[in-house]
Amino acid sequence: MQNAYDRMTRVREHLKHFSWSIITSAIVTLTVLYYLGFGALAPLLTLIVIEITFSFDNAVVNAKILKKLSPLWQQLFLTVGILIAIFGMRLVFPVLIVALTAHLPWHDVIDLALNHPEVYAHKLELAHPTITAFGGSFLLMLCLHFFIEEDKKHHWIEWLERPMNHLGAWWTPLAMTTLVVLGISWLPGNEHATETLRAGLIGIMTYLAIQGIMYAINFLTRSTSESKHYVGWAAFTMFVYLQVLDASFSLDGVLGAFAISSDIILIAAGLGIGALWVRSMTVYMVRRGTLEAYRYLEHGAHYAIGVLAVSMLGSVIFEIPEFVTGGTGLFVIGASVVASLRAKRV
């Protein structure tokens, strides 16, 4: 009886971290079913799974940053941040992209999204090279930056990571990502060379700008603050960086969602629920010390990010099935968990 009670206590403790996600998911699902009928349940669940699958590595990376923020900012990440993620990234951002690339006014794009979803999806698909080139270059910078960091205590794949760690310099991710973007832009099969190059370079510069701001704030606050958490402008900058990360990880999912449904409200609901669960997992990993317990999990997440980045850049020219990218990422992360568990036993 005592063992059963202990197990139930542990289950309740774990579920407590996801109470906000469970309640919100139930309310949104019931609302969708009420207005769209039970036929919307299958695409809604599919969209949720897709978002979680593609964004689990996002949760791992976010956890590394979020643990530097106070509980207040962590809660803002889960509440205010999720509103930004759902309404900003899943609703406003696609409308903005279509408005800019199709040279249409806002009200026309909103009318297309609500009343002519097939036309809206087509317009968004035309913006695919710009969207994926930006997101792919940003995420590739993030991936490479992790592997050249000098203060890493562990290496998972020694023969690959140690040389990058020793030979890498601050400009290595910049040089490598720029070469990749140039190579993709100049390939004969790329019919969107100008868009690819422009968006790829903007993605690189966006990453460098955010990193520069974070470095400057970290340098200035290191000697003036004794708190172990970021505060003030430093915390705000980290919060904004988390939103940009979420946006970059979500680009591919937003585009792929139209293969499941053309209803923009249903897409926002499904991807929004998935994003909420990803954020809950992020907070859970921070408060349970998951990154410290699984030493190679962060490595696996960044390998998965590298796969996603290359897939996004390559999709400008080649048709890459989403299940290949998502499945490969989950496999790599799973392998890093197994390797972490084995390392614990040694």
Protein backbone atom coordinates (compact mmCIF):
# COMPACT_ATOMS: atom_id res chain seq x y z
CA MET A 1 0.00 0.00 0.00
CA GLN A 2 2.79 2.40 0.88
CA ASN A 3 4.52 1.79 -2.49
CA ALA A 4 1.27 2.45 -4.34
CA TYR A 5 0.71 5.64 -2.34
CA ASP A 6 4.27 6.80 -3.07
CA ARG A 7 3.76 6.16 -6.78
CA MET A 8 0.52 8.14 -6.80
CA THR A 9 2.24 10.98 -4.96
CA ARG A 10 5.01 11.07 -7.56
CA VAL A 11 2.46 11.02 -10.40
CA ARG A 12 0.56 13.95 -8.86
CA GLU A 13 3.83 15.81 -8.40
CA HIS A 14 4.69 15.34 -12.07
CA LEU A 15 1.19 16.26 -13.28
CA LYS A 16 1.25 19.46 -11.23
CA HIS A 17 3.78 20.90 -13.66
CA PHE A 18 1.37 20.27 -16.55
CA SER A 19 -1.91 21.35 -14.93
CA TRP A 20 -2.09 24.58 -16.97
CA SER A 21 -1.50 22.63 -20.19
CA ILE A 22 -4.09 19.96 -19.34
CA ILE A 23 -6.82 22.47 -18.47
CA THR A 24 -6.14 24.73 -21.46
CA SER A 25 -5.94 21.78 -23.87
CA ALA A 26 -9.30 20.48 -22.65
CA ILE A 27 -10.98 23.90 -23.00
CA VAL A 28 -9.57 24.56 -26.49
CA THR A 29 -10.38 21.03 -27.70
CA LEU A 30 -13.98 21.23 -26.48
CA THR A 31 -14.37 24.68 -28.08
CA VAL A 32 -13.03 23.41 -31.42
CA LEU A 33 -15.34 20.38 -31.32
CA TYR A 34 -18.33 22.59 -30.43
CA TYR A 35 -17.82 24.93 -33.40
CA LEU A 36 -16.26 22.59 -35.98
CA GLY A 37 -17.73 19.21 -35.00
CA PHE A 38 -16.08 15.89 -34.17
CA GLY A 39 -14.59 15.71 -37.65
CA ALA A 40 -12.03 18.29 -36.48
CA LEU A 41 -10.70 16.01 -33.71
CA ALA A 42 -8.35 13.93 -35.91
CA PRO A 43 -6.63 16.91 -37.61
CA LEU A 44 -6.45 18.74 -34.26
CA LEU A 45 -4.65 15.81 -32.59
CA THR A 46 -2.36 15.43 -35.62
CA LEU A 47 -1.38 19.09 -35.45
CA ILE A 48 -0.66 18.80 -31.72
CA VAL A 49 1.59 15.76 -32.28
CA ILE A 50 3.41 17.48 -35.15
CA GLU A 51 4.11 20.57 -33.06
CA ILE A 52 5.42 18.56 -30.09
CA THR A 53 7.50 16.29 -32.33
CA PHE A 54 9.19 19.16 -34.14
CA SER A 55 9.63 21.28 -31.01
CA PHE A 56 10.89 18.84 -28.38
CA ASP A 57 14.46 19.88 -29.13
CA ASN A 58 13.22 23.44 -28.71
CA ALA A 59 12.11 22.56 -25.17
CA VAL A 60 15.58 21.24 -24.33
CA VAL A 61 17.34 24.34 -25.64
CA ASN A 62 14.83 26.65 -23.97
CA ALA A 63 15.39 24.87 -20.65
CA LYS A 64 19.08 25.83 -20.71
CA ILE A 65 18.13 29.50 -21.06
CA LEU A 66 15.05 29.45 -18.83
CA LYS A 67 16.95 28.15 -15.81
CA LYS A 68 18.82 31.47 -15.79
CA LEU A 69 15.54 33.33 -15.30
CA SER A 70 13.66 33.84 -12.03
CA PRO A 71 10.42 31.92 -11.27
CA LEU A 72 8.48 35.09 -12.20
CA TRP A 73 10.00 35.21 -15.70
CA GLN A 74 9.55 31.46 -16.03
CA GLN A 75 5.84 31.93 -15.34
CA LEU A 76 5.69 34.81 -17.83
CA PHE A 77 7.28 32.49 -20.39
CA LEU A 78 4.47 29.99 -19.78
CA THR A 79 1.61 32.53 -19.80
CA VAL A 80 2.40 35.76 -21.66
CA GLY A 81 4.92 33.95 -23.81
CA ILE A 82 2.42 31.36 -24.97
CA LEU A 83 0.01 34.11 -26.01
CA ILE A 84 2.78 35.60 -28.13
CA ALA A 85 3.54 32.15 -29.55
CA ILE A 86 -0.07 31.38 -30.48
CA PHE A 87 -1.36 34.73 -31.69
CA GLY A 88 1.94 36.17 -32.84
CA MET A 89 3.60 33.18 -34.48
CA ARG A 90 0.66 31.01 -35.49
CA LEU A 91 -1.76 33.76 -36.60
CA VAL A 92 -0.11 37.17 -37.13
CA PHE A 93 3.24 36.02 -38.54
CA PRO A 94 1.83 33.96 -41.47
CA VAL A 95 -0.48 36.86 -42.36
CA LEU A 96 2.47 39.26 -42.25
CA ILE A 97 4.58 36.98 -44.47
CA VAL A 98 1.81 36.68 -47.08
CA ALA A 99 1.21 40.45 -46.97
CA LEU A 100 4.90 41.18 -47.58
CA THR A 101 5.64 38.53 -50.19
CA ALA A 102 2.35 38.82 -52.12
CA HIS A 103 2.27 42.63 -51.79
CA LEU A 104 -1.27 42.57 -50.43
CA PRO A 105 -2.82 44.79 -47.73
CA TRP A 106 -3.49 43.27 -44.30
CA HIS A 107 -7.27 43.20 -44.60
CA ASP A 108 -7.09 41.31 -47.91
CA VAL A 109 -4.79 38.67 -46.43
CA ILE A 110 -7.03 38.25 -43.37
CA ASP A 111 -10.03 37.85 -45.68
CA LEU A 112 -8.14 35.15 -47.61
CA ALA A 113 -7.19 33.35 -44.38
CA LEU A 114 -10.74 33.30 -43.04
CA ASN A 115 -12.82 32.94 -46.19
CA HIS A 116 -10.49 31.50 -48.84
CA PRO A 117 -8.06 29.26 -46.92
CA GLU A 118 -6.89 27.35 -50.01
CA VAL A 119 -5.79 30.58 -51.70
CA TYR A 120 -4.18 31.75 -48.46
CA ALA A 121 -2.29 28.44 -48.12
CA HIS A 122 -1.06 28.80 -51.70
CA LYS A 123 0.18 32.33 -51.04
CA LEU A 124 1.97 31.14 -47.92
CA GLU A 125 3.54 28.26 -49.84
CA LEU A 126 4.98 30.79 -52.31
CA ALA A 127 6.80 32.37 -49.34
CA HIS A 128 8.29 28.98 -48.40
CA PRO A 129 11.86 29.72 -49.66
CA THR A 130 12.06 32.95 -47.67
CA ILE A 131 10.64 31.43 -44.49
CA THR A 132 12.76 28.28 -44.47
CA ALA A 133 15.98 30.06 -45.48
CA PHE A 134 15.61 32.46 -42.54
CA GLY A 135 14.72 29.76 -40.02
CA GLY A 136 17.29 27.28 -41.33
CA SER A 137 20.20 29.72 -41.17
CA PHE A 138 19.21 30.94 -37.69
CA LEU A 139 18.97 27.38 -36.33
CA LEU A 140 22.21 26.30 -38.02
CA MET A 141 24.00 29.16 -36.26
CA LEU A 142 22.48 28.00 -32.97
CA CYS A 143 23.58 24.40 -33.55
CA LEU A 144 27.16 25.23 -34.53
CA HIS A 145 27.56 27.75 -31.71
CA PHE A 146 26.78 25.06 -29.16
CA PHE A 147 29.48 22.71 -30.44
CA ILE A 148 32.27 25.31 -30.42
CA GLU A 149 31.61 26.45 -26.84
CA GLU A 150 34.82 26.15 -24.83
CA ASP A 151 33.30 25.42 -21.41
CA LYS A 152 31.47 22.18 -22.23
CA LYS A 153 32.21 19.47 -19.67
CA HIS A 154 31.07 16.49 -21.75
CA HIS A 155 31.31 15.30 -25.33
CA TRP A 156 28.85 12.75 -26.62
CA ILE A 157 30.31 11.89 -30.05
CA GLU A 158 33.96 12.47 -29.22
CA TRP A 159 35.50 12.18 -32.71
CA LEU A 160 33.17 14.88 -34.04
CA GLU A 161 32.64 17.22 -31.11
CA ARG A 162 36.15 17.46 -29.66
CA PRO A 163 37.78 18.79 -32.88
CA MET A 164 35.00 21.34 -33.28
CA ASN A 165 35.45 22.35 -29.66
CA HIS A 166 39.23 22.78 -29.99
CA LEU A 167 39.44 24.24 -33.47
CA GLY A 168 36.31 26.37 -33.37
CA ALA A 169 36.38 30.15 -32.93
CA TRP A 170 33.62 32.70 -32.44
CA TRP A 171 33.46 33.28 -36.21
CA THR A 172 33.25 29.57 -37.13
CA PRO A 173 29.41 29.32 -37.04
CA LEU A 174 29.21 32.56 -39.05
CA ALA A 175 31.63 31.33 -41.73
CA MET A 176 30.13 27.84 -41.99
CA THR A 177 26.50 29.01 -42.09
CA THR A 178 27.32 31.71 -44.65
CA LEU A 179 29.00 29.12 -46.89
CA VAL A 180 25.96 26.83 -46.60
CA VAL A 181 23.55 29.66 -47.47
CA LEU A 182 25.72 30.71 -50.43
CA GLY A 183 25.95 27.11 -51.61
CA ILE A 184 22.18 26.60 -51.44
CA SER A 185 21.60 29.92 -53.21
CA TRP A 186 23.99 29.11 -56.05
CA LEU A 187 22.80 25.57 -56.73
CA PRO A 188 21.42 25.24 -60.29
CA GLY A 189 18.12 23.79 -59.08
CA ASN A 190 17.33 26.77 -56.84
CA GLU A 191 14.72 28.90 -58.57
CA HIS A 192 14.56 31.30 -55.61
CA ALA A 193 18.25 32.17 -55.29
CA THR A 194 17.74 35.84 -54.41
CA GLU A 195 15.10 35.11 -51.75
CA THR A 196 17.20 32.31 -50.29
CA LEU A 197 20.33 34.44 -50.05
CA ARG A 198 18.58 37.49 -48.64
CA ALA A 199 16.53 35.58 -46.04
CA GLY A 200 19.47 33.36 -45.08
CA LEU A 201 21.73 36.34 -44.43
CA ILE A 202 18.97 38.06 -42.42
CA GLY A 203 18.67 34.90 -40.31
CA ILE A 204 22.43 34.94 -39.66
CA MET A 205 22.46 38.63 -38.77
CA THR A 206 19.43 38.21 -36.49
CA TYR A 207 21.21 35.49 -34.53
CA LEU A 208 24.42 37.56 -34.28
CA ALA A 209 22.49 40.65 -33.14
CA ILE A 210 20.66 38.77 -30.39
CA GLN A 211 23.85 37.05 -29.23
CA GLY A 212 25.65 40.39 -29.20
CA ILE A 213 22.97 41.98 -27.06
CA MET A 214 22.96 39.01 -24.68
CA TYR A 215 26.75 39.08 -24.40
CA ALA A 216 26.79 42.81 -23.68
CA ILE A 217 24.08 42.56 -21.02
CA ASN A 218 25.74 39.52 -19.46
CA PHE A 219 29.06 41.40 -19.31
CA LEU A 220 27.48 44.49 -17.75
CA THR A 221 25.41 42.61 -15.17
CA ARG A 222 28.12 40.15 -14.17
CA SER A 223 29.86 42.68 -11.96
CA THR A 224 26.77 44.58 -10.77
CA SER A 225 24.38 41.77 -9.82
CA GLU A 226 24.87 39.07 -7.21
CA SER A 227 21.65 37.26 -8.16
CA LYS A 228 21.99 33.84 -9.75
CA HIS A 229 19.09 34.77 -12.05
CA TYR A 230 18.96 37.45 -14.73
CA VAL A 231 16.93 40.52 -13.78
CA GLY A 232 15.74 43.69 -15.49
CA TRP A 233 16.79 44.20 -19.10
CA ALA A 234 18.90 41.05 -19.03
CA ALA A 235 15.84 38.94 -18.18
CA PHE A 236 13.74 40.77 -20.76
CA THR A 237 16.34 40.14 -23.47
CA MET A 238 16.45 36.46 -22.60
CA PHE A 239 12.65 36.38 -22.74
CA VAL A 240 12.65 37.95 -26.22
CA TYR A 241 15.35 35.51 -27.35
CA LEU A 242 13.14 32.61 -26.26
CA GLN A 243 10.32 33.98 -28.42
CA VAL A 244 12.63 34.24 -31.45
CA LEU A 245 13.79 30.67 -30.86
CA ASP A 246 10.19 29.49 -30.71
CA ALA A 247 9.44 31.32 -33.94
CA SER A 248 12.40 29.73 -35.73
CA PHE A 249 11.44 26.24 -34.59
CA SER A 250 7.81 26.80 -35.58
CA LEU A 251 8.35 28.01 -39.15
CA ASP A 252 8.42 24.55 -40.68
CA GLY A 253 5.46 23.37 -38.61
CA VAL A 254 3.31 26.35 -39.63
CA LEU A 255 3.97 25.64 -43.31
CA GLY A 256 3.43 21.90 -42.96
CA ALA A 257 0.20 22.37 -41.02
CA PHE A 258 -1.65 23.33 -44.21
CA ALA A 259 -1.15 19.80 -45.46
CA ILE A 260 -3.34 18.69 -42.53
CA SER A 261 -6.01 21.39 -42.65
CA SER A 262 -6.69 24.65 -44.47
CA ASP A 263 -8.65 26.10 -41.54
CA ILE A 264 -6.38 28.74 -39.98
CA ILE A 265 -8.30 28.69 -36.68
CA LEU A 266 -7.94 24.90 -36.39
CA ILE A 267 -4.24 25.18 -37.25
CA ALA A 268 -3.71 27.86 -34.61
CA ALA A 269 -5.57 25.74 -32.03
CA GLY A 270 -3.60 22.55 -32.76
CA LEU A 271 -0.19 24.19 -32.99
CA GLY A 272 -1.02 26.39 -29.99
CA ILE A 273 -1.85 23.41 -27.77
CA GLY A 274 1.34 21.70 -28.90
CA ALA A 275 3.36 24.84 -28.17
CA LEU A 276 1.84 25.07 -24.69
CA TRP A 277 2.88 21.49 -23.90
CA VAL A 278 6.39 22.19 -25.20
CA ARG A 279 6.66 25.19 -22.89
CA SER A 280 5.35 23.18 -19.96
CA MET A 281 8.00 20.55 -20.69
CA THR A 282 10.62 23.30 -20.73
CA VAL A 283 9.63 24.56 -17.26
CA TYR A 284 9.39 20.96 -16.02
CA MET A 285 12.96 20.20 -17.20
CA VAL A 286 14.24 23.35 -15.50
CA ARG A 287 12.62 22.59 -12.13
CA ARG A 288 13.46 18.88 -12.20
CA GLY A 289 17.09 19.44 -13.27
CA THR A 290 16.68 17.23 -16.36
CA LEU A 291 19.64 18.70 -18.24
CA GLU A 292 21.95 17.97 -15.33
CA ALA A 293 20.57 14.44 -14.90
CA TYR A 294 20.91 13.57 -18.61
CA ARG A 295 24.31 14.88 -19.61
CA TYR A 296 23.97 14.22 -23.36
CA LEU A 297 20.37 15.38 -23.79
CA GLU A 298 21.46 18.88 -24.76
CA HIS A 299 23.89 17.42 -27.30
CA GLY A 300 21.13 15.32 -28.83
CA ALA A 301 18.83 18.32 -29.03
CA HIS A 302 21.44 20.36 -30.91
CA TYR A 303 22.10 17.51 -33.33
CA ALA A 304 18.32 17.42 -33.92
CA ILE A 305 18.40 21.19 -34.46
CA GLY A 306 21.17 20.69 -37.02
CA VAL A 307 19.00 18.12 -38.83
CA LEU A 308 16.05 20.53 -38.81
CA ALA A 309 18.21 23.43 -40.03
CA VAL A 310 19.68 21.44 -42.93
CA SER A 311 16.21 20.11 -43.78
CA MET A 312 14.75 23.63 -43.87
CA LEU A 313 17.55 24.95 -46.07
CA GLY A 314 17.44 21.91 -48.31
CA SER A 315 13.66 22.14 -48.71
CA VAL A 316 14.18 25.26 -50.81
CA ILE A 317 15.21 22.85 -53.60
CA PHE A 318 14.27 19.33 -52.53
CA GLU A 319 11.03 17.84 -51.25
CA ILE A 320 11.85 16.52 -47.76
CA PRO A 321 9.01 14.65 -45.99
CA GLU A 322 8.26 16.05 -42.55
CA PHE A 323 8.18 12.63 -40.93
CA VAL A 324 11.82 12.12 -41.99
CA THR A 325 12.96 15.32 -40.27
CA GLY A 326 10.80 14.86 -37.19
CA GLY A 327 11.56 11.13 -36.88
CA THR A 328 15.31 11.68 -37.23
CA GLY A 329 15.25 14.39 -34.58
CA LEU A 330 13.35 12.23 -32.11
CA PHE A 331 15.66 9.29 -32.78
CA VAL A 332 18.76 11.40 -32.09
CA ILE A 333 17.28 12.81 -28.88
CA GLY A 334 16.25 9.31 -27.79
CA ALA A 335 19.78 8.05 -28.45
CA SER A 336 21.20 10.87 -26.34
CA VAL A 337 18.90 9.88 -23.45
CA VAL A 338 20.05 6.24 -23.71
CA ALA A 339 23.70 7.36 -23.79
CA SER A 340 23.08 9.55 -20.73
CA LEU A 341 21.57 6.64 -18.81
CA ARG A 342 24.52 4.42 -19.70
CA ALA A 343 26.94 7.11 -18.59
CA LYS A 344 25.20 7.23 -15.20
CA ARG A 345 25.92 3.55 -14.60
CA VAL A 346 29.63 3.91 -15.31
